[in-house]
Amino acid sequence: MFGKRLNETRKSKGFTAQYMAEHISVTLRTYRNYESEHSYPSFNTLIKIADLLDVSTDYLLCRDEFLAKHVDEY
């Protein structure tokens, strides 16, 4: 689900995969592997991605729905 959300969010911002790769300092192949879920970013890179896309890491990790359901527990 991470890859799908990453891809959809990137496209909604009008960013190309090449733009993302350049701005998070990875190769285009590495970035495409994130979207296809063949590999996953490090924590530091995940934060860079979230900052660039102006979303939370929880959103990218599809935890936003989980957190919304359990907000009263925290």
Protein backbone atom coordinates (compact mmCIF):
# COMPACT_ATOMS: atom_id res chain seq x y z
CA MET A 1 0.00 0.00 0.00
CA PHE A 2 2.94 2.35 0.63
CA GLY A 3 3.97 2.30 -3.02
CA LYS A 4 0.48 2.99 -4.29
CA ARG A 5 -0.01 5.89 -1.88
CA LEU A 6 3.42 7.27 -2.75
CA ASN A 7 2.65 7.11 -6.46
CA GLU A 8 -0.78 8.70 -6.12
CA THR A 9 0.48 11.49 -3.86
CA ARG A 10 3.43 12.24 -6.14
CA LYS A 11 1.17 12.49 -9.18
CA SER A 12 -1.37 14.65 -7.33
CA LYS A 13 1.44 17.14 -6.65
CA GLY A 14 2.46 17.10 -10.32
CA PHE A 15 5.93 15.70 -9.58
CA THR A 16 7.74 13.25 -11.82
CA ALA A 17 9.56 10.24 -10.45
CA GLN A 18 12.80 11.86 -11.65
CA TYR A 19 12.01 15.03 -9.68
CA MET A 20 11.39 12.99 -6.54
CA ALA A 21 14.58 11.00 -6.97
CA GLU A 22 16.69 14.12 -7.43
CA HIS A 23 15.19 15.90 -4.43
CA ILE A 24 15.59 12.99 -2.03
CA SER A 25 19.07 12.15 -3.34
CA VAL A 26 18.44 8.65 -4.70
CA THR A 27 18.65 7.20 -8.18
CA LEU A 28 15.55 7.04 -10.35
CA ARG A 29 15.69 3.24 -10.16
CA THR A 30 15.73 3.34 -6.36
CA TYR A 31 12.78 5.70 -6.28
CA ARG A 32 10.80 3.53 -8.70
CA ASN A 33 11.55 0.55 -6.47
CA TYR A 34 9.84 2.40 -3.62
CA GLU A 35 6.71 2.92 -5.71
CA SER A 36 6.69 -0.69 -6.88
CA GLU A 37 7.43 -1.90 -3.33
CA HIS A 38 10.51 -3.85 -4.38
CA SER A 39 12.35 -1.92 -1.69
CA TYR A 40 11.55 0.63 0.98
CA PRO A 41 13.22 3.88 1.99
CA SER A 42 15.23 4.34 5.14
CA PHE A 43 13.61 6.35 7.92
CA ASN A 44 15.61 9.43 6.94
CA THR A 45 14.58 9.11 3.30
CA LEU A 46 10.96 8.52 4.29
CA ILE A 47 11.02 11.82 6.17
CA LYS A 48 12.50 13.58 3.12
CA ILE A 49 9.74 12.14 0.95
CA ALA A 50 7.01 13.20 3.38
CA ASP A 51 8.45 16.71 3.62
CA LEU A 52 8.71 17.05 -0.15
CA LEU A 53 5.13 15.85 -0.65
CA ASP A 54 3.89 17.89 2.34
CA VAL A 55 2.25 14.89 4.01
CA SER A 56 2.93 12.95 7.20
CA THR A 57 4.93 9.76 7.33
CA ASP A 58 1.84 8.13 8.83
CA TYR A 59 -0.11 9.07 5.72
CA LEU A 60 2.53 7.53 3.44
CA LEU A 61 2.60 4.40 5.57
CA CYS A 62 -1.23 4.20 5.40
CA ARG A 63 -1.51 4.63 9.16
CA ASP A 64 -3.73 7.70 8.96
CA GLU A 65 -6.89 5.59 9.00
CA PHE A 66 -5.60 3.51 11.91
CA LEU A 67 -4.75 6.60 13.90
CA ALA A 68 -8.13 8.18 13.18
CA LYS A 69 -9.88 5.07 14.56
CA HIS A 70 -7.76 5.07 17.72
CA VAL A 71 -7.42 8.79 18.40
CA ASP A 72 -9.34 8.51 21.71
CA GLU A 73 -6.88 5.91 22.99
CA TYR A 74 -3.89 8.28 22.81
